[in-house]
C-alpha cells in the first residue's frame, strides 16, 4: 500500500444516463468531506468542483463519469442522518426527463417561509436534489428535467 493512497468507501449506485442507458456499480467516497465535518456523501461528491467522478461498474470496469450526462442516481443511504426526516415540507412529485423517462417520489422542500412552492424549490436547485420512494433514494439532476408536477 502506498503512503499516498487515500482509503475510500465504496457506495453502490445505479446511474441513469440522459441517453436512456443504465449502469450499476460503485462510486468512491472519502472518509472526510471538504465542506463539513464527517464522511463525504454522494451529494458531496456530485457538488464538488470538476465535471467528472470515478466509477467502477459491476463487472469491475473503471470509468470516469461526466456528472452532466446523468439524469438520476439510485442509491441506498449508508446511514440515516439525524433529523433528516423532520426538516422541510414533504411533497409528492412526478418528474419527466428530457429523454422521456419518468420518476415519481417525495422531495423535502427546505425553503424560507413564503417560498415553499414546488416552483420556488425547482428554480432554486443547483445540480442534484434528493427524491425518495419506498424502494430507494435518488439524486436527480435538475438540469435534465423536462417538467415536474405535484403528484
Protein backbone atom coordinates (compact mmCIF):
# COMPACT_ATOMS: atom_id res chain seq x y z
CA UNK A 1 0.00 0.00 0.00
CA UNK A 2 1.32 3.42 -0.93
CA UNK A 3 1.62 6.15 1.68
CA UNK A 4 -0.10 8.42 -0.88
CA UNK A 5 -3.19 6.24 -1.17
CA UNK A 6 -6.35 7.61 0.41
CA UNK A 7 -8.76 4.97 1.65
CA UNK A 8 -12.24 5.33 0.17
CA UNK A 9 -15.63 3.87 0.98
CA UNK A 10 -17.46 2.21 -1.90
CA UNK A 11 -21.09 3.35 -2.31
CA UNK A 12 -23.22 1.09 -4.54
CA UNK A 13 -25.24 3.11 -7.08
CA UNK A 14 -27.17 2.76 -10.32
CA UNK A 15 -26.57 5.54 -12.84
CA UNK A 16 -29.31 6.54 -15.30
CA UNK A 17 -27.96 8.45 -18.31
CA UNK A 18 -29.74 11.02 -20.45
CA UNK A 19 -29.47 8.68 -23.47
CA UNK A 20 -31.51 6.01 -21.63
CA UNK A 21 -28.62 3.71 -20.71
CA UNK A 22 -28.27 2.40 -17.17
CA UNK A 23 -25.21 1.04 -15.37
CA UNK A 24 -24.71 -0.26 -11.83
CA UNK A 25 -21.51 -0.19 -9.81
CA UNK A 26 -19.81 1.82 -7.09
CA UNK A 27 -18.55 5.35 -6.52
CA UNK A 28 -15.73 6.13 -4.13
CA UNK A 29 -16.34 8.38 -1.12
CA UNK A 30 -13.68 9.93 1.13
CA UNK A 31 -13.57 9.34 4.88
CA UNK A 32 -13.83 13.13 5.32
CA UNK A 33 -15.82 15.75 3.42
CA UNK A 34 -14.36 19.03 2.18
CA UNK A 35 -17.34 21.18 3.18
CA UNK A 36 -18.43 19.79 6.55
CA UNK A 37 -17.35 17.58 9.43
CA UNK A 38 -17.89 13.89 8.78
CA UNK A 39 -17.74 11.47 5.90
CA UNK A 40 -18.19 12.53 2.30
CA UNK A 41 -21.67 11.74 0.99
CA UNK A 42 -22.86 11.05 -2.53
CA UNK A 43 -24.34 14.57 -2.63
CA UNK A 44 -20.94 15.99 -1.61
CA UNK A 45 -19.25 14.07 -4.43
CA UNK A 46 -21.66 15.46 -7.02
CA UNK A 47 -21.33 19.04 -5.75
CA UNK A 48 -17.53 19.06 -5.79
CA UNK A 49 -15.67 21.09 -8.38
CA UNK A 50 -14.95 19.22 -11.55
CA UNK A 51 -17.26 17.71 -14.11
CA UNK A 52 -16.22 14.06 -13.67
CA UNK A 53 -16.01 11.44 -10.92
CA UNK A 54 -14.55 7.90 -10.75
CA UNK A 55 -16.85 4.87 -11.02
CA UNK A 56 -16.36 1.10 -11.12
CA UNK A 57 -19.04 -0.96 -12.84
CA UNK A 58 -20.41 -4.26 -11.57
CA UNK A 59 -18.08 -6.12 -13.96
CA UNK A 60 -15.03 -4.27 -12.48
CA UNK A 61 -14.55 -1.91 -15.41
CA UNK A 62 -13.31 1.56 -14.38
CA UNK A 63 -14.91 4.74 -15.80
CA UNK A 64 -14.62 8.47 -15.28
CA UNK A 65 -18.24 9.69 -15.43
CA UNK A 66 -19.48 13.09 -16.64
CA UNK A 67 -21.87 14.46 -13.97
CA UNK A 68 -23.88 16.34 -16.59
CA UNK A 69 -24.74 13.15 -18.52
CA UNK A 70 -26.65 11.58 -15.61
CA UNK A 71 -30.39 12.19 -15.18
CA UNK A 72 -30.59 10.46 -11.82
CA UNK A 73 -28.75 8.10 -9.49
CA UNK A 74 -30.41 5.37 -7.41
CA UNK A 75 -28.77 4.52 -4.08
CA UNK A 76 -29.43 3.26 -0.58
CA UNK A 77 -28.26 5.75 2.05
CA UNK A 78 -25.47 4.31 4.19
CA UNK A 79 -26.67 5.82 7.47
CA UNK A 80 -29.84 7.70 8.24
CA UNK A 81 -28.89 11.25 9.06
CA UNK A 82 -30.20 12.62 12.33
CA UNK A 83 -33.13 14.97 11.77
CA UNK A 84 -33.13 14.47 8.01
CA UNK A 85 -36.76 13.37 8.00
CA UNK A 86 -38.12 16.29 10.05
CA UNK A 87 -36.84 19.32 8.15
CA UNK A 88 -38.84 20.72 5.27
CA UNK A 89 -42.23 20.17 3.73
CA UNK A 90 -42.73 16.76 2.08
CA UNK A 91 -44.19 16.98 -1.44
CA UNK A 92 -45.05 14.10 -3.79
CA UNK A 93 -43.96 14.88 -7.35
CA UNK A 94 -43.78 13.42 -10.86
CA UNK A 95 -40.73 14.10 -13.00
CA UNK A 96 -40.27 13.68 -16.72
CA UNK A 97 -36.73 13.92 -18.03
CA UNK A 98 -35.67 15.35 -21.38
CA UNK A 99 -35.29 11.81 -22.80
CA UNK A 100 -38.84 10.86 -21.77
CA UNK A 101 -38.07 8.73 -18.71
CA UNK A 102 -40.36 9.31 -15.73
CA UNK A 103 -39.76 9.16 -11.99
CA UNK A 104 -42.16 9.72 -9.09
CA UNK A 105 -41.44 10.17 -5.40
CA UNK A 106 -41.20 12.58 -2.49
CA UNK A 107 -38.97 15.59 -2.01
CA UNK A 108 -38.47 17.76 1.06
CA UNK A 109 -38.82 21.44 0.32
CA UNK A 110 -36.47 23.27 2.69
CA UNK A 111 -37.03 26.88 1.72
CA UNK A 112 -37.75 30.10 3.64
CA UNK A 113 -41.33 30.75 4.66
CA UNK A 114 -43.31 32.15 1.75
CA UNK A 115 -41.11 30.32 -0.78
CA UNK A 116 -42.23 26.74 -0.18
CA UNK A 117 -43.93 26.11 -3.52
CA UNK A 118 -42.62 23.44 -5.90
CA UNK A 119 -41.95 26.26 -8.37
CA UNK A 120 -39.68 28.02 -5.85
CA UNK A 121 -37.85 24.82 -4.97
CA UNK A 122 -37.12 23.65 -8.51
CA UNK A 123 -35.92 27.10 -9.60
CA UNK A 124 -33.55 27.34 -6.62
CA UNK A 125 -31.86 23.94 -7.13
CA UNK A 126 -28.30 23.92 -8.42
CA UNK A 127 -27.22 20.45 -9.52
CA UNK A 128 -28.79 17.44 -7.83
CA UNK A 129 -31.56 17.05 -5.25
CA UNK A 130 -32.87 14.07 -3.25
CA UNK A 131 -36.08 12.26 -4.19
CA UNK A 132 -37.25 9.27 -2.16
CA UNK A 133 -39.56 6.36 -2.89
CA UNK A 134 -40.48 3.36 -0.76
CA UNK A 135 -37.86 1.28 -2.58
CA UNK A 136 -34.88 3.63 -2.90
CA UNK A 137 -33.40 7.11 -2.77
CA UNK A 138 -32.50 9.06 -5.90
CA UNK A 139 -30.32 12.04 -6.65
CA UNK A 140 -31.98 13.90 -9.50
CA UNK A 141 -30.10 16.19 -11.91
CA UNK A 142 -32.34 19.27 -12.06
CA UNK A 143 -30.77 20.47 -15.33
CA UNK A 144 -32.07 17.40 -17.23
CA UNK A 145 -35.69 17.64 -16.10
CA UNK A 146 -38.17 18.45 -18.86
CA UNK A 147 -41.06 19.05 -16.46
CA UNK A 148 -42.11 18.40 -12.89
CA UNK A 149 -45.57 18.40 -11.33
CA UNK A 150 -47.22 17.68 -8.00
CA UNK A 151 -48.44 14.06 -7.81
